C-alpha atoms as a PDB file:
ATOM      1  CA  MET A   1       0.000   0.000   0.000  1.00  0.00           C
ATOM      2  CA  PRO A   2       1.564   3.355  -1.013  1.00  0.00           C
ATOM      3  CA  PHE A   3       1.790   6.368   1.254  1.00  0.00           C
ATOM      4  CA  CYS A   4       1.045  10.055   0.627  1.00  0.00           C
ATOM      5  CA  THR A   5       4.058  12.030  -0.517  1.00  0.00           C
ATOM      6  CA  GLN A   6       2.934  15.020   1.572  1.00  0.00           C
ATOM      7  CA  CYS A   7       1.627  13.724   4.923  1.00  0.00           C
ATOM      8  CA  GLY A   8       2.573  10.013   4.936  1.00  0.00           C
ATOM      9  CA  THR A   9      -0.983   8.646   5.256  1.00  0.00           C
ATOM     10  CA  SER A  10      -1.631   5.391   3.437  1.00  0.00           C
ATOM     11  CA  VAL A  11      -3.529   5.946   0.186  1.00  0.00           C
ATOM     12  CA  HIS A  12      -5.164   3.624  -2.329  1.00  0.00           C
ATOM     13  CA  PRO A  13      -2.775   2.734  -5.202  1.00  0.00           C
ATOM     14  CA  ALA A  14      -5.176   4.177  -7.822  1.00  0.00           C
ATOM     15  CA  ALA A  15      -5.961   7.372  -5.859  1.00  0.00           C
ATOM     16  CA  ALA A  16      -5.069  10.639  -7.579  1.00  0.00           C
ATOM     17  CA  PHE A  17      -5.265  12.649  -4.317  1.00  0.00           C
ATOM     18  CA  CYS A  18      -4.645  11.930  -0.633  1.00  0.00           C
ATOM     19  CA  GLN A  19      -7.848  11.511   1.437  1.00  0.00           C
ATOM     20  CA  ASN A  20      -6.241  13.194   4.440  1.00  0.00           C
ATOM     21  CA  CYS A  21      -4.494  16.297   3.084  1.00  0.00           C
ATOM     22  CA  GLY A  22      -5.660  16.435  -0.561  1.00  0.00           C
ATOM     23  CA  ALA A  23      -2.136  16.448  -2.030  1.00  0.00           C
ATOM     24  CA  PRO A  24      -1.839  15.064  -5.576  1.00  0.00           C
ATOM     25  CA  GLN A  25      -0.238  11.628  -5.742  1.00  0.00           C
ATOM     26  CA  PRO A  26       2.162  10.410  -8.411  1.00  0.00           C
ATOM     27  CA  ARG A  27       0.647   8.015 -10.921  1.00  0.00           C
ATOM     28  CA  GLN A  28       1.715   4.382 -10.696  1.00  0.00           C
ATOM     29  CA  THR A  29       2.814   2.937 -14.026  1.00  0.00           C
ATOM     30  CA  GLY A  30       3.888  -0.519 -15.096  1.00  0.00           C
ATOM     31  CA  GLN A  31       7.651  -0.536 -14.902  1.00  0.00           C
ATOM     32  CA  PHE A  32       8.858  -3.188 -17.328  1.00  0.00           C
ATOM     33  CA  GLU A  33       5.979  -3.575 -19.773  1.00  0.00           C
ATOM     34  CA  GLY A  34       5.612   0.190 -20.181  1.00  0.00           C
ATOM     35  CA  LEU A  35       9.218   0.293 -21.319  1.00  0.00           C
ATOM     36  CA  LEU A  36       8.568  -2.102 -24.195  1.00  0.00           C
ATOM     37  CA  GLU A  37       5.159  -0.764 -25.308  1.00  0.00           C
ATOM     38  CA  GLY A  38       6.409   1.637 -27.972  1.00  0.00           C
ATOM     39  CA  LEU A  39       9.147  -0.676 -29.243  1.00  0.00           C
ATOM     40  CA  SER A  40       8.542  -2.240 -32.665  1.00  0.00           C
ATOM     41  CA  ASN A  41       9.581  -5.779 -33.555  1.00  0.00           C
ATOM     42  CA  ARG A  42      12.164  -4.387 -35.984  1.00  0.00           C
ATOM     43  CA  ASN A  43      13.781  -2.204 -33.323  1.00  0.00           C
ATOM     44  CA  ALA A  44      13.757  -5.061 -30.815  1.00  0.00           C
ATOM     45  CA  SER A  45      15.568  -7.279 -33.326  1.00  0.00           C
ATOM     46  CA  ILE A  46      18.111  -4.535 -34.031  1.00  0.00           C
ATOM     47  CA  LEU A  47      18.829  -4.031 -30.326  1.00  0.00           C
ATOM     48  CA  CYS A  48      19.649  -7.731 -29.938  1.00  0.00           C
ATOM     49  CA  TYR A  49      22.545  -7.443 -32.395  1.00  0.00           C
ATOM     50  CA  ILE A  50      24.446  -4.531 -30.902  1.00  0.00           C
ATOM     51  CA  PRO A  51      27.912  -6.081 -30.589  1.00  0.00           C
ATOM     52  CA  ILE A  52      28.632  -7.414 -27.087  1.00  0.00           C
ATOM     53  CA  PHE A  53      26.061  -5.182 -25.312  1.00  0.00           C
ATOM     54  CA  GLY A  54      23.070  -6.593 -27.223  1.00  0.00           C
ATOM     55  CA  VAL A  55      22.953  -9.511 -24.837  1.00  0.00           C
ATOM     56  CA  ILE A  56      21.159  -7.312 -22.261  1.00  0.00           C
ATOM     57  CA  PRO A  57      18.160  -6.384 -24.459  1.00  0.00           C
ATOM     58  CA  ALA A  58      18.077  -9.952 -25.808  1.00  0.00           C
ATOM     59  CA  ILE A  59      17.586 -11.319 -22.293  1.00  0.00           C
ATOM     60  CA  LEU A  60      14.958  -8.654 -21.543  1.00  0.00           C
ATOM     61  CA  PHE A  61      13.001  -9.543 -24.695  1.00  0.00           C
ATOM     62  CA  LEU A  62      13.111 -13.248 -23.922  1.00  0.00           C
ATOM     63  CA  ALA A  63      11.803 -12.577 -20.410  1.00  0.00           C
ATOM     64  CA  SER A  64       9.032 -10.154 -21.409  1.00  0.00           C
ATOM     65  CA  GLN A  65       5.395 -11.046 -21.924  1.00  0.00           C
ATOM     66  CA  LYS A  66       5.148  -8.832 -25.014  1.00  0.00           C
ATOM     67  CA  TYR A  67       7.517 -11.026 -27.035  1.00  0.00           C
ATOM     68  CA  ARG A  68       6.461 -14.378 -25.558  1.00  0.00           C
ATOM     69  CA  ARG A  69       4.760 -15.476 -28.835  1.00  0.00           C
ATOM     70  CA  ASN A  70       6.803 -13.389 -31.289  1.00  0.00           C
ATOM     71  CA  THR A  71       8.990 -15.937 -33.055  1.00  0.00           C
ATOM     72  CA  ARG A  72      11.045 -13.428 -35.068  1.00  0.00           C
ATOM     73  CA  VAL A  73      12.189 -11.373 -32.078  1.00  0.00           C
ATOM     74  CA  ARG A  74      12.760 -14.496 -29.998  1.00  0.00           C
ATOM     75  CA  PHE A  75      14.826 -16.071 -32.800  1.00  0.00           C
ATOM     76  CA  ASN A  76      16.971 -12.929 -33.085  1.00  0.00           C
ATOM     77  CA  ALA A  77      17.376 -12.773 -29.302  1.00  0.00           C
ATOM     78  CA  PHE A  78      18.466 -16.424 -29.074  1.00  0.00           C
ATOM     79  CA  GLN A  79      20.826 -16.083 -32.040  1.00  0.00           C
ATOM     80  CA  ALA A  80      22.374 -12.963 -30.474  1.00  0.00           C
ATOM     81  CA  LEU A  81      22.828 -14.810 -27.165  1.00  0.00           C
ATOM     82  CA  TYR A  82      24.505 -17.773 -28.837  1.00  0.00           C
ATOM     83  CA  LEU A  83      26.745 -15.418 -30.826  1.00  0.00           C
ATOM     84  CA  PHE A  84      27.714 -13.765 -27.534  1.00  0.00           C
ATOM     85  CA  VAL A  85      28.579 -17.169 -26.072  1.00  0.00           C
ATOM     86  CA  ALA A  86      30.798 -17.836 -29.099  1.00  0.00           C
ATOM     87  CA  TRP A  87      32.463 -14.446 -28.483  1.00  0.00           C
ATOM     88  CA  LEU A  88      33.100 -15.407 -24.854  1.00  0.00           C
ATOM     89  CA  ILE A  89      34.618 -18.722 -25.891  1.00  0.00           C
ATOM     90  CA  VAL A  90      36.947 -17.058 -28.393  1.00  0.00           C
ATOM     91  CA  SER A  91      37.821 -14.182 -26.043  1.00  0.00           C
ATOM     92  CA  ILE A  92      38.275 -16.000 -22.740  1.00  0.00           C
ATOM     93  CA  ALA A  93      38.335 -19.780 -22.986  1.00  0.00           C
ATOM     94  CA  ALA A  94      40.356 -20.242 -26.174  1.00  0.00           C
ATOM     95  CA  PRO A  95      43.294 -18.003 -25.151  1.00  0.00           C
ATOM     96  CA  THR A  96      43.477 -19.734 -21.792  1.00  0.00           C
ATOM     97  CA  LEU A  97      43.510 -23.191 -23.341  1.00  0.00           C
ATOM     98  CA  LEU A  98      45.625 -22.492 -26.421  1.00  0.00           C
ATOM     99  CA  LEU A  99      48.120 -19.869 -25.339  1.00  0.00           C
ATOM    100  CA  ASN A 100      48.705 -20.892 -21.723  1.00  0.00           C
ATOM    101  CA  GLY A 101      50.107 -17.459 -20.851  1.00  0.00           C
ATOM    102  CA  TYR A 102      52.429 -17.385 -23.855  1.00  0.00           C
ATOM    103  CA  PRO A 103      53.209 -13.764 -24.776  1.00  0.00           C
ATOM    104  CA  GLY A 104      53.838 -12.509 -28.288  1.00  0.00           C
ATOM    105  CA  TRP A 105      52.115 -12.671 -31.641  1.00  0.00           C
ATOM    106  CA  GLY A 106      52.423 -16.234 -32.822  1.00  0.00           C
ATOM    107  CA  LEU A 107      50.088 -18.105 -35.129  1.00  0.00           C
ATOM    108  CA  GLU A 108      47.692 -18.821 -32.248  1.00  0.00           C
ATOM    109  CA  HIS A 109      47.289 -15.114 -31.515  1.00  0.00           C
ATOM    110  CA  LEU A 110      46.617 -14.394 -35.183  1.00  0.00           C
ATOM    111  CA  VAL A 111      43.964 -17.119 -35.406  1.00  0.00           C
ATOM    112  CA  LEU A 112      42.186 -15.835 -32.298  1.00  0.00           C
ATOM    113  CA  ALA A 113      42.287 -12.247 -33.591  1.00  0.00           C
ATOM    114  CA  LEU A 114      40.797 -13.368 -36.915  1.00  0.00           C
ATOM    115  CA  LEU A 115      38.063 -15.324 -35.108  1.00  0.00           C
ATOM    116  CA  LYS A 116      37.166 -12.243 -33.050  1.00  0.00           C
ATOM    117  CA  LEU A 117      37.090 -10.113 -36.189  1.00  0.00           C
ATOM    118  CA  GLY A 118      34.865 -12.690 -37.898  1.00  0.00           C
ATOM    119  CA  LEU A 119      32.412 -12.676 -35.006  1.00  0.00           C
ATOM    120  CA  LEU A 120      32.324  -8.874 -34.992  1.00  0.00           C
ATOM    121  CA  ILE A 121      31.592  -8.863 -38.736  1.00  0.00           C
ATOM    122  CA  CYS A 122      28.792 -11.413 -38.134  1.00  0.00           C
ATOM    123  CA  TRP A 123      27.270  -9.138 -35.500  1.00  0.00           C
ATOM    124  CA  ILE A 124      27.331  -6.133 -37.811  1.00  0.00           C
ATOM    125  CA  TYR A 125      25.936  -8.151 -40.732  1.00  0.00           C
ATOM    126  CA  LEU A 126      23.070  -9.478 -38.587  1.00  0.00           C
ATOM    127  CA  LEU A 127      22.379  -5.972 -37.286  1.00  0.00           C
ATOM    128  CA  VAL A 128      22.043  -4.657 -40.854  1.00  0.00           C
ATOM    129  CA  LYS A 129      19.826  -7.574 -41.891  1.00  0.00           C
ATOM    130  CA  ALA A 130      17.611  -7.048 -38.830  1.00  0.00           C
ATOM    131  CA  ALA A 131      17.262  -3.381 -39.813  1.00  0.00           C
ATOM    132  CA  GLN A 132      16.131  -4.540 -43.260  1.00  0.00           C
ATOM    133  CA  GLU A 133      13.681  -6.966 -41.568  1.00  0.00           C
ATOM    134  CA  GLN A 134      15.343 -10.004 -43.124  1.00  0.00           C
ATOM    135  CA  GLU A 135      15.945 -13.165 -41.150  1.00  0.00           C
ATOM    136  CA  VAL A 136      19.435 -14.613 -41.506  1.00  0.00           C
ATOM    137  CA  ARG A 137      20.382 -17.956 -39.991  1.00  0.00           C
ATOM    138  CA  LEU A 138      24.004 -18.519 -39.128  1.00  0.00           C
ATOM    139  CA  PRO A 139      25.115 -22.113 -39.842  1.00  0.00           C
ATOM    140  CA  ILE A 140      25.272 -23.655 -36.339  1.00  0.00           C
ATOM    141  CA  ILE A 141      24.125 -20.823 -34.113  1.00  0.00           C
ATOM    142  CA  GLY A 142      21.031 -20.126 -36.232  1.00  0.00           C
ATOM    143  CA  ASP A 143      19.901 -23.752 -36.024  1.00  0.00           C
ATOM    144  CA  LEU A 144      20.283 -23.683 -32.238  1.00  0.00           C
ATOM    145  CA  ALA A 145      18.326 -20.417 -32.078  1.00  0.00           C
ATOM    146  CA  ALA A 146      15.513 -21.819 -34.247  1.00  0.00           C
ATOM    147  CA  ARG A 147      15.305 -24.919 -32.057  1.00  0.00           C
ATOM    148  CA  SER A 148      15.261 -22.813 -28.884  1.00  0.00           C
ATOM    149  CA  THR A 149      12.527 -20.581 -30.314  1.00  0.00           C
ATOM    150  CA  THR A 150      10.238 -23.509 -31.164  1.00  0.00           C
ATOM    151  CA  GLU A 151      10.873 -25.286 -27.857  1.00  0.00           C
ATOM    152  CA  GLN A 152       9.837 -22.223 -25.848  1.00  0.00           C
ATOM    153  CA  LEU A 153       6.412 -21.860 -27.538  1.00  0.00           C
END
């Protein structure tokens, strides 16, 4: 139960004014769903593919009620999440396993740098295709995303 901002008396959540002092009360709005109301499916798909940081909106879209039945946005969100996992593997796990603390720019470093560049180019390509409202399926990651999308319905 909310309280009056002026006198502290408990007020009804839908009340516009306090019953005790008559002070106007702030309107209560839906926090999460109100945020996504004006967002189109195209813009939601684009936000999923912002390199590295797109994982945050992708998780929000997968958790929201608005996109629960929207297969296109859910597919893009899952594909962006799996692409982020691939980025983490190439950025953190692969250097630890392959390089073992070895400094310098050997062949292993070059391969890892090229893999990172390839993933970044994939992100940008998918972002452009999402802006054009075209669905692109990456070879392995896209199949996983499609399977995850259909399993969640």
